[in-house]
């Protein structure tokens, strides 16, 4: 057991587009974000407490009651917006107001405070030299938790691995993940040899990344509301 939370938690996710003012096709990026959030609201309707919605032009937020879908949701958003990068603040805590299922605006409580705290922490780290950078951060309301620190360390290492991927390596990885099959099938679709696919994956440290991702996903899946 990774977490011991002594209350019925919600999970707030706040996403923020990095360097949004420098994006040439900023309007198109914002429209793509709206489209993927609409898809997520449909796909994960049972796990969502309050629908994901754009709160500012370059930021969105949503509220979950089941932590098992955190990683799949983040992955879908990242893939849809690539090469645009986003920060993700994940906050776990209670809600002190009523919840509007149709949009995650107006609700208030520690889970949103923690998600905002995570986003601000990521931005502050980006401004500092000799500080490990990450695209994701988890914060849990309550006592300091060693598991939270470990997960955030894994997030930092995962970010470092992803930032090192070449375009060809990323294309190979996306082909593998999108079809969820094997190297031979990826090679056939890409028109290259299986040995080349293996080389791309090994040089990208993909299997190390995937193992770390699976561990984080397993830990986050423990967070959720038992009575909903």
C-alpha atoms as a PDB file:
ATOM      1  CA  UNK A   1       0.000   0.000   0.000  1.00  0.00           C
ATOM      2  CA  UNK A   2       1.487   3.302  -1.146  1.00  0.00           C
ATOM      3  CA  UNK A   3      -0.879   5.788   0.472  1.00  0.00           C
ATOM      4  CA  UNK A   4      -2.720   6.052   3.753  1.00  0.00           C
ATOM      5  CA  UNK A   5      -5.210   8.895   3.432  1.00  0.00           C
ATOM      6  CA  UNK A   6      -7.547   9.327   6.377  1.00  0.00           C
ATOM      7  CA  UNK A   7     -10.340  11.065   4.480  1.00  0.00           C
ATOM      8  CA  UNK A   8     -12.331  10.636   1.273  1.00  0.00           C
ATOM      9  CA  UNK A   9     -10.144  12.491  -1.233  1.00  0.00           C
ATOM     10  CA  UNK A  10     -10.781  14.144  -4.542  1.00  0.00           C
ATOM     11  CA  UNK A  11      -8.035  14.646  -7.125  1.00  0.00           C
ATOM     12  CA  UNK A  12      -7.718  18.018  -8.837  1.00  0.00           C
ATOM     13  CA  UNK A  13      -5.603  18.319 -11.962  1.00  0.00           C
ATOM     14  CA  UNK A  14      -4.466  21.703 -13.217  1.00  0.00           C
ATOM     15  CA  UNK A  15      -2.675  21.839 -16.546  1.00  0.00           C
ATOM     16  CA  UNK A  16      -0.720  24.807 -17.844  1.00  0.00           C
ATOM     17  CA  UNK A  17       0.781  25.255 -21.328  1.00  0.00           C
ATOM     18  CA  UNK A  18       4.486  26.080 -21.169  1.00  0.00           C
ATOM     19  CA  UNK A  19       5.741  29.193 -22.979  1.00  0.00           C
ATOM     20  CA  UNK A  20       2.279  29.722 -24.434  1.00  0.00           C
ATOM     21  CA  UNK A  21       3.011  33.279 -25.565  1.00  0.00           C
ATOM     22  CA  UNK A  22       5.766  31.953 -27.853  1.00  0.00           C
ATOM     23  CA  UNK A  23       3.486  29.512 -29.681  1.00  0.00           C
ATOM     24  CA  UNK A  24       2.916  30.678 -33.260  1.00  0.00           C
ATOM     25  CA  UNK A  25      -0.426  28.907 -33.722  1.00  0.00           C
ATOM     26  CA  UNK A  26      -1.682  29.673 -30.233  1.00  0.00           C
ATOM     27  CA  UNK A  27      -5.368  29.725 -31.208  1.00  0.00           C
ATOM     28  CA  UNK A  28      -5.131  26.303 -32.876  1.00  0.00           C
ATOM     29  CA  UNK A  29      -3.393  24.914 -29.796  1.00  0.00           C
ATOM     30  CA  UNK A  30      -6.165  26.228 -27.543  1.00  0.00           C
ATOM     31  CA  UNK A  31      -8.823  24.684 -29.799  1.00  0.00           C
ATOM     32  CA  UNK A  32      -6.983  21.350 -29.789  1.00  0.00           C
ATOM     33  CA  UNK A  33      -6.895  21.482 -25.996  1.00  0.00           C
ATOM     34  CA  UNK A  34     -10.641  22.103 -25.853  1.00  0.00           C
ATOM     35  CA  UNK A  35     -11.254  19.159 -28.182  1.00  0.00           C
ATOM     36  CA  UNK A  36      -9.137  16.702 -26.188  1.00  0.00           C
ATOM     37  CA  UNK A  37     -10.724  17.798 -22.900  1.00  0.00           C
ATOM     38  CA  UNK A  38     -14.168  17.184 -24.401  1.00  0.00           C
ATOM     39  CA  UNK A  39     -13.057  13.691 -25.426  1.00  0.00           C
ATOM     40  CA  UNK A  40     -11.635  13.021 -21.953  1.00  0.00           C
ATOM     41  CA  UNK A  41     -14.881  14.153 -20.313  1.00  0.00           C
ATOM     42  CA  UNK A  42     -16.734  11.547 -22.361  1.00  0.00           C
ATOM     43  CA  UNK A  43     -14.225   8.708 -22.061  1.00  0.00           C
ATOM     44  CA  UNK A  44     -13.729   9.027 -18.301  1.00  0.00           C
ATOM     45  CA  UNK A  45     -17.186  10.243 -17.303  1.00  0.00           C
ATOM     46  CA  UNK A  46     -17.524   7.647 -14.522  1.00  0.00           C
ATOM     47  CA  UNK A  47     -14.230   8.656 -12.891  1.00  0.00           C
ATOM     48  CA  UNK A  48     -14.780  12.410 -13.219  1.00  0.00           C
ATOM     49  CA  UNK A  49     -16.354  14.389 -10.378  1.00  0.00           C
ATOM     50  CA  UNK A  50     -16.325  17.658 -12.302  1.00  0.00           C
ATOM     51  CA  UNK A  51     -15.592  17.963 -16.012  1.00  0.00           C
ATOM     52  CA  UNK A  52     -12.288  19.233 -17.349  1.00  0.00           C
ATOM     53  CA  UNK A  53     -12.608  22.752 -18.690  1.00  0.00           C
ATOM     54  CA  UNK A  54     -10.337  25.535 -19.928  1.00  0.00           C
ATOM     55  CA  UNK A  55     -10.192  28.148 -17.176  1.00  0.00           C
ATOM     56  CA  UNK A  56      -7.846  30.578 -18.923  1.00  0.00           C
ATOM     57  CA  UNK A  57      -6.653  30.546 -22.496  1.00  0.00           C
ATOM     58  CA  UNK A  58      -3.625  28.460 -21.609  1.00  0.00           C
ATOM     59  CA  UNK A  59      -4.803  26.576 -18.538  1.00  0.00           C
ATOM     60  CA  UNK A  60      -7.391  23.943 -17.662  1.00  0.00           C
ATOM     61  CA  UNK A  61      -8.593  22.087 -14.602  1.00  0.00           C
ATOM     62  CA  UNK A  62     -10.718  19.097 -13.728  1.00  0.00           C
ATOM     63  CA  UNK A  63     -11.747  17.083 -10.696  1.00  0.00           C
ATOM     64  CA  UNK A  64     -11.498  13.305 -10.350  1.00  0.00           C
ATOM     65  CA  UNK A  65     -12.784  10.811  -7.818  1.00  0.00           C
ATOM     66  CA  UNK A  66     -10.599   7.939  -9.052  1.00  0.00           C
ATOM     67  CA  UNK A  67      -6.813   8.168  -9.245  1.00  0.00           C
ATOM     68  CA  UNK A  68      -6.479   5.234 -11.644  1.00  0.00           C
ATOM     69  CA  UNK A  69      -7.145   7.506 -14.633  1.00  0.00           C
ATOM     70  CA  UNK A  70      -4.633  10.257 -13.793  1.00  0.00           C
ATOM     71  CA  UNK A  71      -1.808   8.898 -15.950  1.00  0.00           C
ATOM     72  CA  UNK A  72      -4.015   7.927 -18.933  1.00  0.00           C
ATOM     73  CA  UNK A  73      -5.570  11.410 -18.958  1.00  0.00           C
ATOM     74  CA  UNK A  74      -2.199  13.168 -18.787  1.00  0.00           C
ATOM     75  CA  UNK A  75      -0.819  10.916 -21.549  1.00  0.00           C
ATOM     76  CA  UNK A  76      -3.750  11.684 -23.859  1.00  0.00           C
ATOM     77  CA  UNK A  77      -3.355  15.418 -23.385  1.00  0.00           C
ATOM     78  CA  UNK A  78       0.393  15.327 -23.969  1.00  0.00           C
ATOM     79  CA  UNK A  79       0.108  13.236 -27.135  1.00  0.00           C
ATOM     80  CA  UNK A  80      -2.618  15.465 -28.570  1.00  0.00           C
ATOM     81  CA  UNK A  81      -0.696  18.693 -27.970  1.00  0.00           C
ATOM     82  CA  UNK A  82       2.830  17.551 -28.913  1.00  0.00           C
ATOM     83  CA  UNK A  83       5.201  19.315 -29.551  1.00  0.00           C
ATOM     84  CA  UNK A  84       3.600  21.856 -27.212  1.00  0.00           C
ATOM     85  CA  UNK A  85       4.559  21.062 -23.610  1.00  0.00           C
ATOM     86  CA  UNK A  86       2.409  21.294 -20.503  1.00  0.00           C
ATOM     87  CA  UNK A  87       2.893  21.296 -16.756  1.00  0.00           C
ATOM     88  CA  UNK A  88       0.559  19.179 -14.654  1.00  0.00           C
ATOM     89  CA  UNK A  89      -0.213  19.881 -11.002  1.00  0.00           C
ATOM     90  CA  UNK A  90      -1.971  17.013  -9.219  1.00  0.00           C
ATOM     91  CA  UNK A  91      -3.612  17.885  -5.909  1.00  0.00           C
ATOM     92  CA  UNK A  92      -5.196  15.405  -3.508  1.00  0.00           C
ATOM     93  CA  UNK A  93      -7.530  16.597  -0.766  1.00  0.00           C
ATOM     94  CA  UNK A  94     -11.083  17.377   0.197  1.00  0.00           C
ATOM     95  CA  UNK A  95     -13.633  19.760  -1.355  1.00  0.00           C
ATOM     96  CA  UNK A  96     -15.308  22.333   0.883  1.00  0.00           C
ATOM     97  CA  UNK A  97     -17.949  23.552  -1.555  1.00  0.00           C
ATOM     98  CA  UNK A  98     -20.649  22.019  -3.718  1.00  0.00           C
ATOM     99  CA  UNK A  99     -19.485  20.352  -6.931  1.00  0.00           C
ATOM    100  CA  UNK A 100     -20.801  21.197 -10.374  1.00  0.00           C
ATOM    101  CA  UNK A 101     -20.324  18.107 -12.550  1.00  0.00           C
ATOM    102  CA  UNK A 102     -20.555  20.147 -15.745  1.00  0.00           C
ATOM    103  CA  UNK A 103     -17.426  22.194 -15.048  1.00  0.00           C
ATOM    104  CA  UNK A 104     -14.593  22.303 -12.516  1.00  0.00           C
ATOM    105  CA  UNK A 105     -15.080  26.004 -11.807  1.00  0.00           C
ATOM    106  CA  UNK A 106     -16.425  27.355  -8.525  1.00  0.00           C
ATOM    107  CA  UNK A 107     -15.483  24.351  -6.415  1.00  0.00           C
ATOM    108  CA  UNK A 108     -12.957  25.062  -3.704  1.00  0.00           C
ATOM    109  CA  UNK A 109     -10.932  23.096  -1.196  1.00  0.00           C
ATOM    110  CA  UNK A 110      -7.517  21.645  -0.332  1.00  0.00           C
ATOM    111  CA  UNK A 111      -7.276  19.483  -3.464  1.00  0.00           C
ATOM    112  CA  UNK A 112      -7.347  22.591  -5.676  1.00  0.00           C
ATOM    113  CA  UNK A 113      -4.975  24.439  -3.339  1.00  0.00           C
ATOM    114  CA  UNK A 114      -2.526  21.553  -3.627  1.00  0.00           C
ATOM    115  CA  UNK A 115      -2.817  21.353  -7.417  1.00  0.00           C
ATOM    116  CA  UNK A 116      -2.122  25.089  -7.667  1.00  0.00           C
ATOM    117  CA  UNK A 117       0.782  24.723  -5.245  1.00  0.00           C
ATOM    118  CA  UNK A 118       2.216  22.000  -7.486  1.00  0.00           C
ATOM    119  CA  UNK A 119       1.962  24.167 -10.615  1.00  0.00           C
ATOM    120  CA  UNK A 120       3.675  27.106  -8.906  1.00  0.00           C
ATOM    121  CA  UNK A 121       6.418  24.806  -7.620  1.00  0.00           C
ATOM    122  CA  UNK A 122       7.082  23.502 -11.154  1.00  0.00           C
ATOM    123  CA  UNK A 123       7.323  27.073 -12.476  1.00  0.00           C
ATOM    124  CA  UNK A 124       9.707  28.111  -9.700  1.00  0.00           C
ATOM    125  CA  UNK A 125      11.990  25.156 -10.398  1.00  0.00           C
ATOM    126  CA  UNK A 126      12.160  26.125 -14.069  1.00  0.00           C
ATOM    127  CA  UNK A 127      13.518  29.536 -13.114  1.00  0.00           C
ATOM    128  CA  UNK A 128      16.346  28.144 -11.016  1.00  0.00           C
ATOM    129  CA  UNK A 129      19.671  26.758 -12.154  1.00  0.00           C
ATOM    130  CA  UNK A 130      20.980  23.450 -10.823  1.00  0.00           C
ATOM    131  CA  UNK A 131      17.476  22.332  -9.871  1.00  0.00           C
ATOM    132  CA  UNK A 132      15.906  19.210 -11.365  1.00  0.00           C
ATOM    133  CA  UNK A 133      13.040  20.087 -13.713  1.00  0.00           C
ATOM    134  CA  UNK A 134       9.782  18.189 -14.112  1.00  0.00           C
ATOM    135  CA  UNK A 135       6.498  18.463 -16.015  1.00  0.00           C
ATOM    136  CA  UNK A 136       4.466  16.836 -13.253  1.00  0.00           C
ATOM    137  CA  UNK A 137       4.090  17.262  -9.517  1.00  0.00           C
ATOM    138  CA  UNK A 138       1.878  15.598  -6.911  1.00  0.00           C
ATOM    139  CA  UNK A 139       0.834  17.237  -3.659  1.00  0.00           C
ATOM    140  CA  UNK A 140      -1.340  15.562  -0.999  1.00  0.00           C
ATOM    141  CA  UNK A 141      -3.120  17.494   1.743  1.00  0.00           C
ATOM    142  CA  UNK A 142      -2.154  16.398   5.239  1.00  0.00           C
ATOM    143  CA  UNK A 143       1.045  14.995   6.632  1.00  0.00           C
ATOM    144  CA  UNK A 144       4.292  14.982   4.662  1.00  0.00           C
ATOM    145  CA  UNK A 145       4.364  11.696   2.813  1.00  0.00           C
ATOM    146  CA  UNK A 146       7.553   9.915   1.738  1.00  0.00           C
ATOM    147  CA  UNK A 147       5.591   8.278  -1.061  1.00  0.00           C
ATOM    148  CA  UNK A 148       4.729  11.699  -2.487  1.00  0.00           C
ATOM    149  CA  UNK A 149       8.406  12.655  -2.499  1.00  0.00           C
ATOM    150  CA  UNK A 150       9.332   9.381  -4.197  1.00  0.00           C
ATOM    151  CA  UNK A 151       6.654   9.814  -6.858  1.00  0.00           C
ATOM    152  CA  UNK A 152       7.786  13.364  -7.593  1.00  0.00           C
ATOM    153  CA  UNK A 153      11.372  12.123  -7.917  1.00  0.00           C
ATOM    154  CA  UNK A 154      10.189   9.507 -10.405  1.00  0.00           C
ATOM    155  CA  UNK A 155       8.276  12.230 -12.270  1.00  0.00           C
ATOM    156  CA  UNK A 156      11.508  14.237 -12.529  1.00  0.00           C
ATOM    157  CA  UNK A 157      13.452  11.256 -13.879  1.00  0.00           C
ATOM    158  CA  UNK A 158      10.663  10.473 -16.345  1.00  0.00           C
ATOM    159  CA  UNK A 159      10.747  14.064 -17.584  1.00  0.00           C
ATOM    160  CA  UNK A 160      14.522  13.873 -18.089  1.00  0.00           C
ATOM    161  CA  UNK A 161      14.130  10.704 -20.164  1.00  0.00           C
ATOM    162  CA  UNK A 162      11.312  12.137 -22.297  1.00  0.00           C
ATOM    163  CA  UNK A 163      13.189  15.383 -22.911  1.00  0.00           C
ATOM    164  CA  UNK A 164      16.050  13.353 -24.415  1.00  0.00           C
ATOM    165  CA  UNK A 165      13.926  11.607 -27.060  1.00  0.00           C
ATOM    166  CA  UNK A 166      14.638  12.392 -30.695  1.00  0.00           C
ATOM    167  CA  UNK A 167      11.770  12.871 -33.123  1.00  0.00           C
ATOM    168  CA  UNK A 168      12.337   9.395 -34.561  1.00  0.00           C
ATOM    169  CA  UNK A 169      12.429   7.788 -31.122  1.00  0.00           C
ATOM    170  CA  UNK A 170       9.217   9.562 -30.129  1.00  0.00           C
ATOM    171  CA  UNK A 171       7.530   8.482 -33.373  1.00  0.00           C
ATOM    172  CA  UNK A 172       8.485   4.863 -32.662  1.00  0.00           C
ATOM    173  CA  UNK A 173       7.248   5.042 -29.068  1.00  0.00           C
ATOM    174  CA  UNK A 174       3.928   6.606 -30.064  1.00  0.00           C
ATOM    175  CA  UNK A 175       3.434   3.960 -32.737  1.00  0.00           C
ATOM    176  CA  UNK A 176       4.026   1.240 -30.138  1.00  0.00           C
ATOM    177  CA  UNK A 177       1.784   2.793 -27.488  1.00  0.00           C
ATOM    178  CA  UNK A 178      -1.055   3.763 -29.806  1.00  0.00           C
ATOM    179  CA  UNK A 179      -1.395   0.226 -31.171  1.00  0.00           C
ATOM    180  CA  UNK A 180      -0.363  -1.632 -28.000  1.00  0.00           C
ATOM    181  CA  UNK A 181       1.361  -4.493 -29.829  1.00  0.00           C
ATOM    182  CA  UNK A 182       4.973  -5.496 -30.509  1.00  0.00           C
ATOM    183  CA  UNK A 183       8.170  -4.378 -32.200  1.00  0.00           C
ATOM    184  CA  UNK A 184       7.561  -6.446 -35.348  1.00  0.00           C
ATOM    185  CA  UNK A 185       4.199  -4.785 -35.923  1.00  0.00           C
ATOM    186  CA  UNK A 186       5.715  -1.326 -35.308  1.00  0.00           C
ATOM    187  CA  UNK A 187       8.469  -2.100 -37.843  1.00  0.00           C
ATOM    188  CA  UNK A 188       5.884  -3.174 -40.446  1.00  0.00           C
ATOM    189  CA  UNK A 189       3.811  -0.002 -40.007  1.00  0.00           C
ATOM    190  CA  UNK A 190       6.870   2.262 -40.097  1.00  0.00           C
ATOM    191  CA  UNK A 191       8.503   0.421 -43.007  1.00  0.00           C
ATOM    192  CA  UNK A 192      11.724  -0.291 -41.130  1.00  0.00           C
ATOM    193  CA  UNK A 193      13.452  -3.332 -39.660  1.00  0.00           C
ATOM    194  CA  UNK A 194      12.529  -4.746 -36.261  1.00  0.00           C
ATOM    195  CA  UNK A 195      16.157  -4.259 -35.186  1.00  0.00           C
ATOM    196  CA  UNK A 196      15.797  -0.524 -35.906  1.00  0.00           C
ATOM    197  CA  UNK A 197      12.658  -0.348 -33.758  1.00  0.00           C
ATOM    198  CA  UNK A 198      14.493  -2.099 -30.928  1.00  0.00           C
ATOM    199  CA  UNK A 199      17.439   0.294 -31.289  1.00  0.00           C
ATOM    200  CA  UNK A 200      15.149   3.334 -31.092  1.00  0.00           C
ATOM    201  CA  UNK A 201      13.427   2.000 -27.970  1.00  0.00           C
ATOM    202  CA  UNK A 202      16.638   1.002 -26.205  1.00  0.00           C
ATOM    203  CA  UNK A 203      18.434   4.275 -26.971  1.00  0.00           C
ATOM    204  CA  UNK A 204      15.365   6.182 -25.745  1.00  0.00           C
ATOM    205  CA  UNK A 205      15.459   4.184 -22.492  1.00  0.00           C
ATOM    206  CA  UNK A 206      11.797   3.507 -23.191  1.00  0.00           C
ATOM    207  CA  UNK A 207      11.446   0.371 -21.111  1.00  0.00           C
ATOM    208  CA  UNK A 208      12.989   2.098 -18.099  1.00  0.00           C
ATOM    209  CA  UNK A 209      10.555   4.967 -18.611  1.00  0.00           C
ATOM    210  CA  UNK A 210       7.606   2.577 -19.015  1.00  0.00           C
ATOM    211  CA  UNK A 211       8.435   0.677 -15.833  1.00  0.00           C
ATOM    212  CA  UNK A 212       8.621   3.932 -13.866  1.00  0.00           C
ATOM    213  CA  UNK A 213       5.323   5.091 -15.406  1.00  0.00           C
ATOM    214  CA  UNK A 214       3.598   1.827 -14.466  1.00  0.00           C
ATOM    215  CA  UNK A 215       4.775   2.090 -10.854  1.00  0.00           C
ATOM    216  CA  UNK A 216       3.476   5.659 -10.560  1.00  0.00           C
ATOM    217  CA  UNK A 217       0.163   4.658 -12.152  1.00  0.00           C
ATOM    218  CA  UNK A 218      -0.179   1.767  -9.695  1.00  0.00           C
ATOM    219  CA  UNK A 219       0.460   4.065  -6.739  1.00  0.00           C
ATOM    220  CA  UNK A 220      -1.962   6.751  -7.932  1.00  0.00           C
ATOM    221  CA  UNK A 221      -4.672   4.153  -8.535  1.00  0.00           C
ATOM    222  CA  UNK A 222      -4.904   3.712  -4.750  1.00  0.00           C
ATOM    223  CA  UNK A 223      -6.220   7.258  -4.390  1.00  0.00           C
ATOM    224  CA  UNK A 224      -9.945   7.625  -4.665  1.00  0.00           C
ATOM    225  CA  UNK A 225     -13.315   7.858  -3.041  1.00  0.00           C
ATOM    226  CA  UNK A 226     -14.649   4.569  -1.695  1.00  0.00           C
ATOM    227  CA  UNK A 227     -18.232   5.714  -1.302  1.00  0.00           C
ATOM    228  CA  UNK A 228     -18.882   7.117  -4.790  1.00  0.00           C
END
